[in-house]
Every structure is written in structure tokens, then in C-alpha cells.
Amino acid sequence: MTTATRTARRPSTLATLWRSTVGKKAVMAVSGLVMLLYLVAHMLGNLKVFAGPDDINGYAAWLRTIGQPFLGHEWFLWIARFGLLAAVLLHGVSAYQLSRRDLAARPSKYVHKRRRASYATRTMRWGGVILALFIVWHILDLTTLTVNPVAEEGHPYQNVVASFGRWYVDVFYIVAMLALGFHIRHGFWSAAQTLGANNARRDRALKLTANGLALVLTAGFLSVPVAVMTGVVS
């Protein structure tokens, strides 16, 4: 076999990184931070519901015009959606493969003796499943309006009020947001460790940041359905 042939068949650096445990953890960390930035922006946008229908409906209309005239109508939204979808898929696939790799690495003869998975690990796994189901529902409810009882295109205020006027949606949303809070708390700390941002001097600050982000985002997202349920937003 010639040197050129061996070189051509050598896997790329990216492929090698993706196959490694460290690489998958790095992908999870980076994609998780991308989603975290989106969540912060999304929560701030949601809070405009407290300013009334004109404010949040106008905000929704503005999102569709970002980048014009360089970008076409809604181009920015679709670019953001595809970018977010890529982050979600990379995060989910990495998490699944790391979980399978972890299970495969455990000696089968100790299957009945090994310590049960940690609380954080169980929370992340089940929380991830809950959030995946919630994302599908949320898109059908407030993006495509497929399952929304009002389904007024360009009127998010009315759609939000109609959606959270159903008790089962409120319950599902609250459970999902609590799962999100736990996910952010543990995920932010894990991402900091994976990316080498933690050390003895920064650990306390990173943990406080993880707790603060989880608390603020959970409270911010939950404030909307609670406001609708209590009649503050109607």
C-alpha cells in the first residue's frame, strides 16, 4: 500500500475527535452552551407577554425582519432554527452514545453489585427525555400552531393565553421547566469541567453561576403559565 493511499484512508481529526469520549463530551458541552444562550434570549422574549399583546406581537413580527434587506423575510429565524436543531441533535446523540459507552464499559459480573447511578445522572437522563418530548409539543403548540386551540398566525399573545388556559398543558410545562432547571444546573457545571474552565479558585463561582442560571431561567419560564392561570395575563 502506498503512502498516499494510507494517508487518504486515515480518519480526519474531526472524525477521530467525535469517536473519542473526550470529543463527545466536548460536543455536549459546546452544544449545551449554544442552547443555553438561546434559552436566555427565549425567556427574555417570553417575558414581553407581561407588557401586553402589542409589545409581544410586535416583538414576534420584528424577529421575522432581522437582517433585512440583506436577508429575506424570516431568513434569520430559519437560520437560527437550523442552528438550534443541529445543537439539539448533536447534544442528544452525544448523550446517548456516551450513556451506551458507559454501560458497555461496566463488567457484567458486577451487574447486581454496582452502585446505582448518581442522582445527577438519573436526573439528566430522565430530564433529557422529558425535554425532548416537551420540545416536540411546544413546537406543535406555539410554532406550527397545530394543537393550539386559537392558532392565530402572528398573534403570539393570544396563542399563549389560549395554550396555558388548558390545565394539562400547564402541568406538562411546569414539569418540563423543572426538568430544565435541573438539567441546566448540572449541565453548566459539567460543561465547565469538560472545557477546562474550572479550578480550585473558580469552582465556587461556577457552581453559584450554575445555580443562578437554573433558578432564573426556571422562574422566568414558569412565570408565564402561572400568570395566565392566575389571570394576571388574560
Protein backbone atom coordinates (compact mmCIF):
# COMPACT_ATOMS: atom_id res chain seq x y z
CA MET A 1 0.00 0.00 0.00
CA THR A 2 1.43 3.39 -0.96
CA THR A 3 1.91 6.28 1.46
CA ALA A 4 -0.70 8.30 -0.43
CA THR A 5 -3.28 5.51 -0.02
CA ARG A 6 -2.59 5.18 3.70
CA THR A 7 -2.92 8.95 4.10
CA ALA A 8 -6.19 9.02 2.18
CA ARG A 9 -7.69 6.34 4.40
CA ARG A 10 -6.55 7.93 7.65
CA PRO A 11 -9.57 9.30 9.51
CA SER A 12 -9.80 13.07 9.80
CA THR A 13 -9.08 14.88 13.04
CA LEU A 14 -12.77 15.73 13.46
CA ALA A 15 -13.82 12.10 12.95
CA THR A 16 -11.23 10.92 15.46
CA LEU A 17 -12.37 13.54 17.96
CA TRP A 18 -16.02 12.56 17.50
CA ARG A 19 -15.25 8.89 18.16
CA SER A 20 -13.47 9.64 21.43
CA THR A 21 -15.19 10.02 24.79
CA VAL A 22 -13.48 13.35 25.35
CA GLY A 23 -14.67 14.56 21.95
CA LYS A 24 -18.29 13.59 22.61
CA LYS A 25 -18.19 15.35 25.97
CA ALA A 26 -16.78 18.45 24.29
CA VAL A 27 -19.58 18.36 21.69
CA MET A 28 -22.12 18.05 24.50
CA ALA A 29 -20.57 20.99 26.35
CA VAL A 30 -20.43 23.33 23.34
CA SER A 31 -23.89 22.42 22.03
CA GLY A 32 -25.26 22.79 25.56
CA LEU A 33 -23.85 26.32 25.83
CA VAL A 34 -25.38 27.20 22.46
CA MET A 35 -28.78 26.04 23.71
CA LEU A 36 -28.28 27.92 26.97
CA LEU A 37 -27.74 31.19 25.09
CA TYR A 38 -30.90 30.51 23.12
CA LEU A 39 -32.85 29.83 26.32
CA VAL A 40 -31.78 33.14 27.83
CA ALA A 41 -32.92 35.03 24.73
CA HIS A 42 -36.14 32.99 24.53
CA MET A 43 -37.01 33.65 28.17
CA LEU A 44 -36.47 37.40 27.77
CA GLY A 45 -38.75 37.34 24.73
CA ASN A 46 -41.41 35.39 26.63
CA LEU A 47 -41.44 37.95 29.43
CA LYS A 48 -42.73 40.55 26.96
CA VAL A 49 -46.12 38.93 27.44
CA PHE A 50 -46.39 40.98 30.65
CA ALA A 51 -46.18 44.19 28.60
CA GLY A 52 -49.34 43.29 26.72
CA PRO A 53 -50.33 41.95 23.30
CA ASP A 54 -48.98 44.87 21.27
CA ASP A 55 -45.49 44.51 22.75
CA ILE A 56 -45.01 40.77 22.32
CA ASN A 57 -46.84 40.63 18.97
CA GLY A 58 -44.61 43.44 17.71
CA TYR A 59 -41.55 41.61 19.01
CA ALA A 60 -42.60 38.46 17.14
CA ALA A 61 -43.05 40.46 13.93
CA TRP A 62 -39.60 42.07 14.40
CA LEU A 63 -37.93 38.66 14.68
CA ARG A 64 -39.10 37.91 11.16
CA THR A 65 -37.43 41.03 9.75
CA ILE A 66 -33.97 40.72 11.37
CA GLY A 67 -31.22 41.16 8.78
CA GLN A 68 -33.36 42.83 6.14
CA PRO A 69 -32.74 43.92 3.47
CA PHE A 70 -29.60 41.75 3.34
CA LEU A 71 -31.60 38.71 4.49
CA GLY A 72 -35.03 37.82 3.22
CA HIS A 73 -38.19 37.70 5.32
CA GLU A 74 -37.82 35.12 8.13
CA TRP A 75 -34.36 34.03 6.91
CA PHE A 76 -32.78 34.85 10.26
CA LEU A 77 -35.41 32.76 12.07
CA TRP A 78 -34.79 29.76 9.83
CA ILE A 79 -31.02 30.06 10.17
CA ALA A 80 -31.44 30.18 13.95
CA ARG A 81 -33.82 27.21 13.89
CA PHE A 82 -31.48 25.03 11.85
CA GLY A 83 -28.55 26.02 14.06
CA LEU A 84 -30.54 25.19 17.18
CA LEU A 85 -31.73 21.90 15.68
CA ALA A 86 -28.12 20.94 14.94
CA ALA A 87 -27.15 21.74 18.54
CA VAL A 88 -30.05 19.68 19.92
CA LEU A 89 -29.25 16.68 17.70
CA LEU A 90 -25.52 16.77 18.48
CA HIS A 91 -26.28 17.10 22.18
CA GLY A 92 -28.78 14.26 22.19
CA VAL A 93 -26.71 11.87 20.06
CA SER A 94 -23.60 12.53 22.14
CA ALA A 95 -25.50 11.95 25.38
CA TYR A 96 -27.00 8.69 24.10
CA GLN A 97 -23.68 7.35 22.80
CA LEU A 98 -21.85 8.27 25.99
CA SER A 99 -24.55 6.54 28.03
CA ARG A 100 -24.26 3.38 25.91
CA ARG A 101 -20.48 3.50 26.13
CA ASP A 102 -20.66 3.85 29.89
CA LEU A 103 -22.97 0.84 30.20
CA ALA A 104 -20.79 -1.26 27.89
CA ALA A 105 -17.71 -0.46 29.97
CA ARG A 106 -19.18 -1.90 33.16
CA PRO A 107 -18.22 -5.51 33.95
CA SER A 108 -21.31 -7.69 33.54
CA LYS A 109 -20.42 -9.89 36.50
CA TYR A 110 -20.90 -6.93 38.81
CA VAL A 111 -24.26 -6.00 37.36
CA HIS A 112 -26.05 -6.74 40.66
CA LYS A 113 -23.38 -5.27 42.87
CA ARG A 114 -22.55 -1.95 41.22
CA ARG A 115 -23.73 1.21 42.89
CA ARG A 116 -26.83 2.74 41.40
CA ALA A 117 -26.43 5.72 39.08
CA SER A 118 -26.00 9.02 40.87
CA TYR A 119 -28.92 11.37 41.45
CA ALA A 120 -27.46 13.87 38.97
CA THR A 121 -27.04 11.21 36.28
CA ARG A 122 -30.60 9.92 36.66
CA THR A 123 -31.94 13.48 36.63
CA MET A 124 -30.05 14.33 33.44
CA ARG A 125 -31.24 11.18 31.64
CA TRP A 126 -34.90 11.44 32.56
CA GLY A 127 -34.82 15.20 32.26
CA GLY A 128 -33.46 14.88 28.74
CA VAL A 129 -36.31 12.56 27.75
CA ILE A 130 -38.92 14.90 29.25
CA LEU A 131 -37.40 17.91 27.50
CA ALA A 132 -37.26 16.10 24.14
CA LEU A 133 -40.98 15.30 24.37
CA PHE A 134 -41.72 18.85 25.53
CA ILE A 135 -39.84 20.41 22.59
CA VAL A 136 -41.99 18.44 20.14
CA TRP A 137 -45.18 19.53 21.89
CA HIS A 138 -44.04 23.14 22.24
CA ILE A 139 -43.31 23.41 18.52
CA LEU A 140 -46.70 21.92 17.62
CA ASP A 141 -48.42 24.23 20.11
CA LEU A 142 -46.81 27.65 19.66
CA THR A 143 -44.77 27.47 16.44
CA THR A 144 -46.78 25.47 13.90
CA LEU A 145 -49.98 26.06 15.95
CA THR A 146 -51.10 22.54 15.06
CA VAL A 147 -52.52 21.77 18.51
CA ASN A 148 -53.24 25.33 19.66
CA PRO A 149 -56.96 25.99 20.25
CA VAL A 150 -56.74 29.53 18.83
CA ALA A 151 -53.95 29.27 16.22
CA GLU A 152 -53.75 32.92 15.23
CA GLU A 153 -50.72 33.40 12.99
CA GLY A 154 -48.76 36.48 14.07
CA HIS A 155 -50.58 36.78 17.41
CA PRO A 156 -48.38 35.01 20.00
CA TYR A 157 -50.07 36.75 22.93
CA GLN A 158 -53.45 35.24 22.11
CA ASN A 159 -51.88 31.86 21.35
CA VAL A 160 -50.00 31.80 24.68
CA VAL A 161 -53.14 32.67 26.66
CA ALA A 162 -55.12 30.01 24.83
CA SER A 163 -52.41 27.39 25.33
CA PHE A 164 -51.99 27.94 29.05
CA GLY A 165 -55.73 28.03 29.53
CA ARG A 166 -55.58 24.21 29.47
CA TRP A 167 -54.64 22.62 32.80
CA TYR A 168 -52.81 19.63 31.29
CA VAL A 169 -50.58 21.93 29.24
CA ASP A 170 -49.75 23.86 32.42
CA VAL A 171 -48.80 20.66 34.25
CA PHE A 172 -46.64 19.42 31.37
CA TYR A 173 -44.96 22.82 31.03
CA ILE A 174 -44.22 23.09 34.74
CA VAL A 175 -42.73 19.58 34.89
CA ALA A 176 -40.63 20.29 31.79
CA MET A 177 -39.34 23.60 33.18
CA LEU A 178 -38.37 21.97 36.48
CA ALA A 179 -36.51 19.31 34.50
CA LEU A 180 -34.86 22.10 32.51
CA GLY A 181 -33.69 23.75 35.72
CA PHE A 182 -32.02 20.56 36.96
CA HIS A 183 -30.54 20.00 33.50
CA ILE A 184 -29.02 23.48 33.36
CA ARG A 185 -27.67 23.27 36.91
CA HIS A 186 -25.80 20.03 36.35
CA GLY A 187 -25.07 20.62 32.66
CA PHE A 188 -23.41 24.01 33.13
CA TRP A 189 -21.09 22.61 35.78
CA SER A 190 -20.26 19.57 33.64
CA ALA A 191 -19.58 21.79 30.60
CA ALA A 192 -17.19 23.93 32.65
CA GLN A 193 -15.31 20.81 33.72
CA THR A 194 -15.19 19.41 30.19
CA LEU A 195 -13.89 22.67 28.70
CA GLY A 196 -11.32 23.06 31.47
CA ALA A 197 -12.82 26.25 32.88
CA ASN A 198 -12.94 25.02 36.46
CA ASN A 199 -10.19 25.10 39.05
CA ALA A 200 -9.94 25.42 42.82
CA ARG A 201 -10.34 29.20 42.71
CA ARG A 202 -13.25 29.27 40.24
CA ASP A 203 -15.28 26.27 41.41
CA ARG A 204 -17.41 28.22 43.88
CA ALA A 205 -18.19 30.95 41.34
CA LEU A 206 -19.06 28.39 38.66
CA LYS A 207 -21.38 26.50 40.98
CA LEU A 208 -23.11 29.72 42.02
CA THR A 209 -23.47 30.66 38.35
CA ALA A 210 -24.96 27.24 37.52
CA ASN A 211 -27.45 27.52 40.39
CA GLY A 212 -28.29 31.12 39.50
CA LEU A 213 -28.88 30.37 35.83
CA ALA A 214 -31.07 27.38 36.65
CA LEU A 215 -33.13 29.39 39.14
CA VAL A 216 -33.57 32.48 36.96
CA LEU A 217 -34.45 30.55 33.80
CA THR A 218 -36.85 28.21 35.58
CA ALA A 219 -38.60 31.08 37.36
CA GLY A 220 -38.71 33.17 34.18
CA PHE A 221 -40.27 30.45 32.06
CA LEU A 222 -42.72 29.40 34.79
CA SER A 223 -43.90 32.97 35.36
CA VAL A 224 -45.81 32.96 32.06
CA PRO A 225 -48.14 29.97 32.64
CA VAL A 226 -48.58 30.98 36.29
CA ALA A 227 -49.59 34.49 35.14
CA VAL A 228 -52.17 33.03 32.75
CA MET A 229 -53.52 30.61 35.36
CA THR A 230 -53.92 33.39 37.92
CA GLY A 231 -55.45 35.87 35.49
CA VAL A 232 -52.53 38.33 35.58
CA VAL A 233 -52.21 37.75 31.82
CA SER A 234 -55.51 37.22 30.06
